[in-house]
Amino acid sequence: MVISVQTFRIKVGGGIKNGDLLQLAEGEFDLFITSDQNIRYQQNLTGRRIAILELSTNDLHCLQQAAELLAEAIATVGVNEFRQLTIP
């Protein structure tokens, strides 16, 4: 498995409207990871061709402490799946 990590802002630049965000990501990525807890309400997730992993925090220290949990979620999230991951 090859994993390439890029921040979306760096990949496509700024100024993207929320409605276009996932559509643009679908063409470039297999998995979209976000800590935006409102994404499922702000975006239409029906019929998406990208897996979405919603994290409960964006705190770097917490994410580092939960590295194994995060790696497992990344490895097992399914195509087109929306999954919430609670980071302790």
N, C-alpha and C. Protein backbone atom coordinates (compact mmCIF):
# COMPACT_ATOMS: atom_id res chain seq x y z
N MET A 1 0.83 -1.16 0.00
CA MET A 1 0.00 0.00 0.00
C MET A 1 0.89 1.24 0.00
N VAL A 2 0.58 2.18 -0.86
CA VAL A 2 1.31 3.44 -0.93
C VAL A 2 0.43 4.52 -0.36
N ILE A 3 0.98 5.26 0.58
CA ILE A 3 0.22 6.35 1.19
C ILE A 3 0.91 7.66 0.87
N SER A 4 0.16 8.56 0.31
CA SER A 4 0.65 9.90 0.03
C SER A 4 -0.22 10.87 0.81
N VAL A 5 0.41 11.71 1.59
CA VAL A 5 -0.33 12.66 2.42
C VAL A 5 -0.03 14.06 1.92
N GLN A 6 -1.09 14.81 1.67
CA GLN A 6 -0.96 16.20 1.26
C GLN A 6 -2.09 16.98 1.90
N THR A 7 -1.78 18.20 2.29
CA THR A 7 -2.89 19.03 2.76
C THR A 7 -3.61 19.56 1.54
N PHE A 8 -4.90 19.63 1.63
CA PHE A 8 -5.70 20.04 0.49
C PHE A 8 -5.42 21.48 0.10
N ARG A 9 -5.18 22.32 1.07
CA ARG A 9 -4.90 23.73 0.80
C ARG A 9 -3.65 23.86 -0.07
N ILE A 10 -2.62 23.08 0.24
CA ILE A 10 -1.39 23.12 -0.55
C ILE A 10 -1.64 22.55 -1.94
N LYS A 11 -2.42 21.49 -2.03
CA LYS A 11 -2.65 20.80 -3.30
C LYS A 11 -3.40 21.68 -4.30
N VAL A 12 -4.46 22.35 -3.87
CA VAL A 12 -5.29 23.09 -4.82
C VAL A 12 -5.33 24.59 -4.58
N GLY A 13 -4.70 25.06 -3.55
CA GLY A 13 -4.70 26.50 -3.27
C GLY A 13 -5.90 26.90 -2.44
N GLY A 14 -5.94 28.15 -2.03
CA GLY A 14 -7.03 28.65 -1.18
C GLY A 14 -8.22 29.09 -2.01
N GLY A 15 -9.22 29.58 -1.33
CA GLY A 15 -10.39 30.14 -1.97
C GLY A 15 -11.39 29.14 -2.50
N ILE A 16 -11.40 27.93 -1.99
CA ILE A 16 -12.35 26.91 -2.43
C ILE A 16 -13.63 27.04 -1.64
N LYS A 17 -14.74 27.07 -2.34
CA LYS A 17 -16.04 27.11 -1.66
C LYS A 17 -16.35 25.74 -1.09
N ASN A 18 -17.04 25.72 0.04
CA ASN A 18 -17.35 24.45 0.70
C ASN A 18 -18.02 23.45 -0.23
N GLY A 19 -18.91 23.90 -1.08
CA GLY A 19 -19.63 22.99 -1.97
C GLY A 19 -18.74 22.27 -2.96
N ASP A 20 -17.58 22.84 -3.26
CA ASP A 20 -16.67 22.25 -4.24
C ASP A 20 -15.59 21.37 -3.60
N LEU A 21 -15.46 21.45 -2.30
CA LEU A 21 -14.36 20.82 -1.61
C LEU A 21 -14.26 19.31 -1.86
N LEU A 22 -15.30 18.57 -1.58
CA LEU A 22 -15.25 17.12 -1.75
C LEU A 22 -15.21 16.71 -3.21
N GLN A 23 -15.86 17.46 -4.06
CA GLN A 23 -15.82 17.16 -5.49
C GLN A 23 -14.39 17.24 -6.01
N LEU A 24 -13.67 18.26 -5.61
CA LEU A 24 -12.27 18.38 -6.01
C LEU A 24 -11.41 17.27 -5.41
N ALA A 25 -11.67 16.94 -4.15
CA ALA A 25 -10.88 15.91 -3.47
C ALA A 25 -11.10 14.54 -4.11
N GLU A 26 -12.31 14.26 -4.57
CA GLU A 26 -12.61 12.96 -5.17
C GLU A 26 -11.73 12.66 -6.38
N GLY A 27 -11.38 13.66 -7.13
CA GLY A 27 -10.58 13.45 -8.31
C GLY A 27 -9.11 13.18 -8.02
N GLU A 28 -8.67 13.43 -6.80
CA GLU A 28 -7.25 13.34 -6.47
C GLU A 28 -6.92 12.34 -5.36
N PHE A 29 -7.88 12.05 -4.49
CA PHE A 29 -7.58 11.29 -3.28
C PHE A 29 -8.56 10.13 -3.09
N ASP A 30 -8.13 9.13 -2.32
CA ASP A 30 -9.00 8.01 -1.93
C ASP A 30 -9.65 8.25 -0.58
N LEU A 31 -8.99 9.07 0.25
CA LEU A 31 -9.46 9.30 1.61
C LEU A 31 -9.33 10.77 1.96
N PHE A 32 -10.39 11.31 2.52
CA PHE A 32 -10.42 12.70 2.96
C PHE A 32 -10.53 12.68 4.49
N ILE A 33 -9.53 13.23 5.17
CA ILE A 33 -9.52 13.25 6.64
C ILE A 33 -9.76 14.69 7.07
N THR A 34 -10.71 14.86 7.97
CA THR A 34 -11.06 16.20 8.44
C THR A 34 -11.41 16.16 9.92
N SER A 35 -11.25 17.30 10.56
CA SER A 35 -11.74 17.43 11.93
C SER A 35 -12.97 18.34 11.96
N ASP A 36 -13.49 18.69 10.79
CA ASP A 36 -14.70 19.50 10.68
C ASP A 36 -15.90 18.63 11.06
N GLN A 37 -16.41 18.83 12.25
CA GLN A 37 -17.49 17.99 12.76
C GLN A 37 -18.85 18.33 12.15
N ASN A 38 -18.88 19.31 11.29
CA ASN A 38 -20.12 19.67 10.62
C ASN A 38 -20.14 19.27 9.15
N ILE A 39 -19.10 18.60 8.68
CA ILE A 39 -19.00 18.31 7.25
C ILE A 39 -20.20 17.52 6.75
N ARG A 40 -20.71 16.60 7.55
CA ARG A 40 -21.86 15.79 7.09
C ARG A 40 -23.12 16.62 6.98
N TYR A 41 -23.16 17.78 7.63
CA TYR A 41 -24.31 18.68 7.52
C TYR A 41 -24.09 19.74 6.45
N GLN A 42 -22.84 20.10 6.20
CA GLN A 42 -22.52 21.16 5.24
C GLN A 42 -22.36 20.64 3.82
N GLN A 43 -22.05 19.36 3.67
CA GLN A 43 -21.79 18.77 2.36
C GLN A 43 -22.77 17.63 2.11
N ASN A 44 -23.13 17.43 0.88
CA ASN A 44 -23.96 16.29 0.50
C ASN A 44 -23.02 15.10 0.33
N LEU A 45 -23.09 14.14 1.23
CA LEU A 45 -22.19 12.99 1.20
C LEU A 45 -22.75 11.82 0.40
N THR A 46 -24.00 11.90 -0.01
CA THR A 46 -24.63 10.83 -0.78
C THR A 46 -23.95 10.69 -2.13
N GLY A 47 -23.59 9.47 -2.47
CA GLY A 47 -23.01 9.18 -3.77
C GLY A 47 -21.56 9.59 -3.93
N ARG A 48 -20.90 9.95 -2.86
CA ARG A 48 -19.49 10.35 -2.94
C ARG A 48 -18.62 9.14 -3.27
N ARG A 49 -17.54 9.38 -4.02
CA ARG A 49 -16.62 8.32 -4.41
C ARG A 49 -15.31 8.44 -3.63
N ILE A 50 -15.40 8.93 -2.41
CA ILE A 50 -14.22 9.11 -1.58
C ILE A 50 -14.59 8.71 -0.15
N ALA A 51 -13.66 8.05 0.52
CA ALA A 51 -13.87 7.74 1.93
C ALA A 51 -13.61 9.01 2.74
N ILE A 52 -14.40 9.20 3.79
CA ILE A 52 -14.26 10.38 4.64
C ILE A 52 -14.09 9.92 6.07
N LEU A 53 -13.03 10.38 6.70
CA LEU A 53 -12.75 10.07 8.09
C LEU A 53 -12.80 11.37 8.88
N GLU A 54 -13.78 11.48 9.76
CA GLU A 54 -13.96 12.67 10.57
C GLU A 54 -13.34 12.43 11.95
N LEU A 55 -12.36 13.24 12.28
CA LEU A 55 -11.68 13.12 13.57
C LEU A 55 -12.35 14.01 14.60
N SER A 56 -12.33 13.58 15.85
CA SER A 56 -12.98 14.34 16.92
C SER A 56 -12.14 15.54 17.37
N THR A 57 -10.90 15.61 16.92
CA THR A 57 -10.02 16.72 17.31
C THR A 57 -8.99 16.96 16.22
N ASN A 58 -8.42 18.15 16.23
CA ASN A 58 -7.28 18.42 15.37
C ASN A 58 -6.04 18.75 16.20
N ASP A 59 -6.11 18.46 17.49
CA ASP A 59 -4.99 18.70 18.40
C ASP A 59 -3.85 17.73 18.07
N LEU A 60 -2.72 18.28 17.65
CA LEU A 60 -1.60 17.46 17.20
C LEU A 60 -1.11 16.49 18.26
N HIS A 61 -1.02 16.94 19.49
CA HIS A 61 -0.56 16.05 20.57
C HIS A 61 -1.51 14.86 20.73
N CYS A 62 -2.79 15.11 20.72
CA CYS A 62 -3.77 14.01 20.84
C CYS A 62 -3.67 13.06 19.65
N LEU A 63 -3.49 13.60 18.46
CA LEU A 63 -3.36 12.76 17.26
C LEU A 63 -2.10 11.91 17.32
N GLN A 64 -1.01 12.47 17.81
CA GLN A 64 0.22 11.71 17.93
C GLN A 64 0.06 10.58 18.94
N GLN A 65 -0.62 10.85 20.03
CA GLN A 65 -0.85 9.83 21.05
C GLN A 65 -1.75 8.70 20.53
N ALA A 66 -2.60 9.02 19.58
CA ALA A 66 -3.55 8.05 19.03
C ALA A 66 -3.11 7.53 17.66
N ALA A 67 -1.82 7.54 17.39
CA ALA A 67 -1.31 7.18 16.07
C ALA A 67 -1.75 5.78 15.63
N GLU A 68 -1.70 4.82 16.53
CA GLU A 68 -2.11 3.45 16.16
C GLU A 68 -3.60 3.39 15.83
N LEU A 69 -4.41 4.06 16.62
CA LEU A 69 -5.85 4.10 16.37
C LEU A 69 -6.14 4.76 15.03
N LEU A 70 -5.45 5.84 14.75
CA LEU A 70 -5.62 6.55 13.49
C LEU A 70 -5.17 5.68 12.31
N ALA A 71 -4.03 5.03 12.44
CA ALA A 71 -3.52 4.16 11.37
C ALA A 71 -4.49 3.01 11.08
N GLU A 72 -5.08 2.44 12.12
CA GLU A 72 -6.05 1.36 11.93
C GLU A 72 -7.29 1.86 11.20
N ALA A 73 -7.76 3.03 11.56
CA ALA A 73 -8.94 3.60 10.90
C ALA A 73 -8.65 3.88 9.43
N ILE A 74 -7.47 4.40 9.14
CA ILE A 74 -7.09 4.69 7.76
C ILE A 74 -7.03 3.40 6.95
N ALA A 75 -6.47 2.36 7.54
CA ALA A 75 -6.31 1.09 6.83
C ALA A 75 -7.63 0.37 6.59
N THR A 76 -8.63 0.63 7.42
CA THR A 76 -9.88 -0.14 7.33
C THR A 76 -11.08 0.63 6.82
N VAL A 77 -10.97 1.93 6.65
CA VAL A 77 -12.12 2.69 6.16
C VAL A 77 -12.41 2.26 4.72
N GLY A 78 -13.68 2.06 4.44
CA GLY A 78 -14.07 1.56 3.12
C GLY A 78 -14.29 2.66 2.10
N VAL A 79 -14.25 2.26 0.85
CA VAL A 79 -14.54 3.19 -0.24
C VAL A 79 -15.94 3.75 -0.04
N ASN A 80 -16.10 5.02 -0.21
CA ASN A 80 -17.40 5.72 -0.08
C ASN A 80 -17.92 5.74 1.35
N GLU A 81 -17.14 5.29 2.32
CA GLU A 81 -17.60 5.26 3.71
C GLU A 81 -17.36 6.58 4.41
N PHE A 82 -18.31 6.97 5.24
CA PHE A 82 -18.13 8.09 6.16
C PHE A 82 -17.98 7.48 7.54
N ARG A 83 -16.86 7.79 8.20
CA ARG A 83 -16.63 7.23 9.53
C ARG A 83 -16.17 8.34 10.49
N GLN A 84 -16.70 8.29 11.67
CA GLN A 84 -16.27 9.21 12.73
C GLN A 84 -15.29 8.46 13.62
N LEU A 85 -14.19 9.13 14.01
CA LEU A 85 -13.20 8.53 14.87
C LEU A 85 -12.99 9.42 16.08
N THR A 86 -13.30 8.88 17.24
CA THR A 86 -13.09 9.62 18.49
C THR A 86 -11.66 9.40 18.95
N ILE A 87 -10.94 10.50 19.08
CA ILE A 87 -9.57 10.48 19.54
C ILE A 87 -9.58 10.75 21.04
N PRO A 88 -9.06 9.80 21.84
CA PRO A 88 -9.10 10.01 23.30
C PRO A 88 -8.19 11.14 23.75
